[in-house]
Amino acid sequence: MASNPEIRPDPGPDRIDPQSPPETQPSQAPAEEPMQQPGEIEAPSPDTLQPGQQPTELPPLN
């Protein structure tokens, strides 16, 4: 049993943990990447914002 690490009962970093980071779970990466873009969260720029949304930190470009 112990010689087979693939069928170990203890949850691995990227085997049974659905809440593990996208780095260990390649199947969740494409779903979380577009949502967690540093350009949108840390520094919202007019290019990343969608039409209708106004930048909170930057003044209107009019």
Protein backbone atom coordinates (compact mmCIF):
# COMPACT_ATOMS: atom_id res chain seq x y z
CA MET A 1 0.00 0.00 0.00
CA ALA A 2 2.67 2.48 1.05
CA SER A 3 4.67 1.72 -2.08
CA ASN A 4 1.83 3.10 -4.25
CA PRO A 5 1.81 6.91 -3.79
CA GLU A 6 -0.93 7.22 -6.42
CA ILE A 7 -3.57 5.48 -4.29
CA ARG A 8 -2.59 6.92 -0.92
CA PRO A 9 -5.59 7.66 1.34
CA ASP A 10 -4.12 10.96 2.54
CA PRO A 11 -5.12 13.93 0.32
CA GLY A 12 -2.21 15.21 -1.78
CA PRO A 13 -1.55 18.87 -2.64
CA ASP A 14 -3.29 18.52 -6.02
CA ARG A 15 -5.28 15.31 -5.72
CA ILE A 16 -8.33 15.59 -3.44
CA ASP A 17 -8.15 19.24 -2.39
CA PRO A 18 -10.63 21.19 -4.56
CA GLN A 19 -9.71 24.43 -2.79
CA SER A 20 -6.02 24.21 -3.65
CA PRO A 21 -4.49 27.15 -5.59
CA PRO A 22 -4.76 27.17 -9.43
CA GLU A 23 -1.03 26.43 -9.58
CA THR A 24 -1.57 22.92 -8.25
CA GLN A 25 -4.92 22.47 -10.00
CA PRO A 26 -4.48 22.99 -13.76
CA SER A 27 -8.19 22.27 -14.28
CA GLN A 28 -9.17 25.33 -12.22
CA ALA A 29 -6.51 27.67 -13.61
CA PRO A 30 -8.42 28.74 -16.76
CA ALA A 31 -11.50 29.53 -14.67
CA GLU A 32 -9.69 31.62 -12.08
CA GLU A 33 -7.10 33.34 -14.24
CA PRO A 34 -9.44 35.82 -15.98
CA MET A 35 -10.98 36.69 -12.62
CA GLN A 36 -7.75 37.18 -10.69
CA GLN A 37 -5.84 39.46 -13.04
CA PRO A 38 -3.42 41.74 -11.18
CA GLY A 39 -4.14 44.48 -13.73
CA GLU A 40 -7.80 44.61 -12.71
CA ILE A 41 -7.46 44.26 -8.94
CA GLU A 42 -4.27 46.14 -8.07
CA ALA A 43 -4.27 48.90 -10.67
CA PRO A 44 -7.51 49.29 -12.67
CA SER A 45 -6.65 50.83 -16.04
CA PRO A 46 -9.05 52.15 -18.72
CA ASP A 47 -7.89 49.33 -20.99
CA THR A 48 -8.88 46.58 -18.57
CA LEU A 49 -12.16 48.15 -17.49
CA GLN A 50 -15.24 47.30 -19.51
CA PRO A 51 -17.42 49.99 -21.15
CA GLY A 52 -19.64 51.53 -18.47
CA GLN A 53 -17.12 51.07 -15.66
CA GLN A 54 -15.19 54.16 -14.61
CA PRO A 55 -11.71 53.90 -13.05
CA THR A 56 -11.91 54.66 -9.33
CA GLU A 57 -8.32 55.82 -8.91
CA LEU A 58 -7.79 57.48 -12.29
CA PRO A 59 -9.67 60.66 -13.30
CA PRO A 60 -12.02 60.58 -16.35
CA LEU A 61 -10.11 60.82 -19.63
CA ASN A 62 -12.36 63.48 -21.16
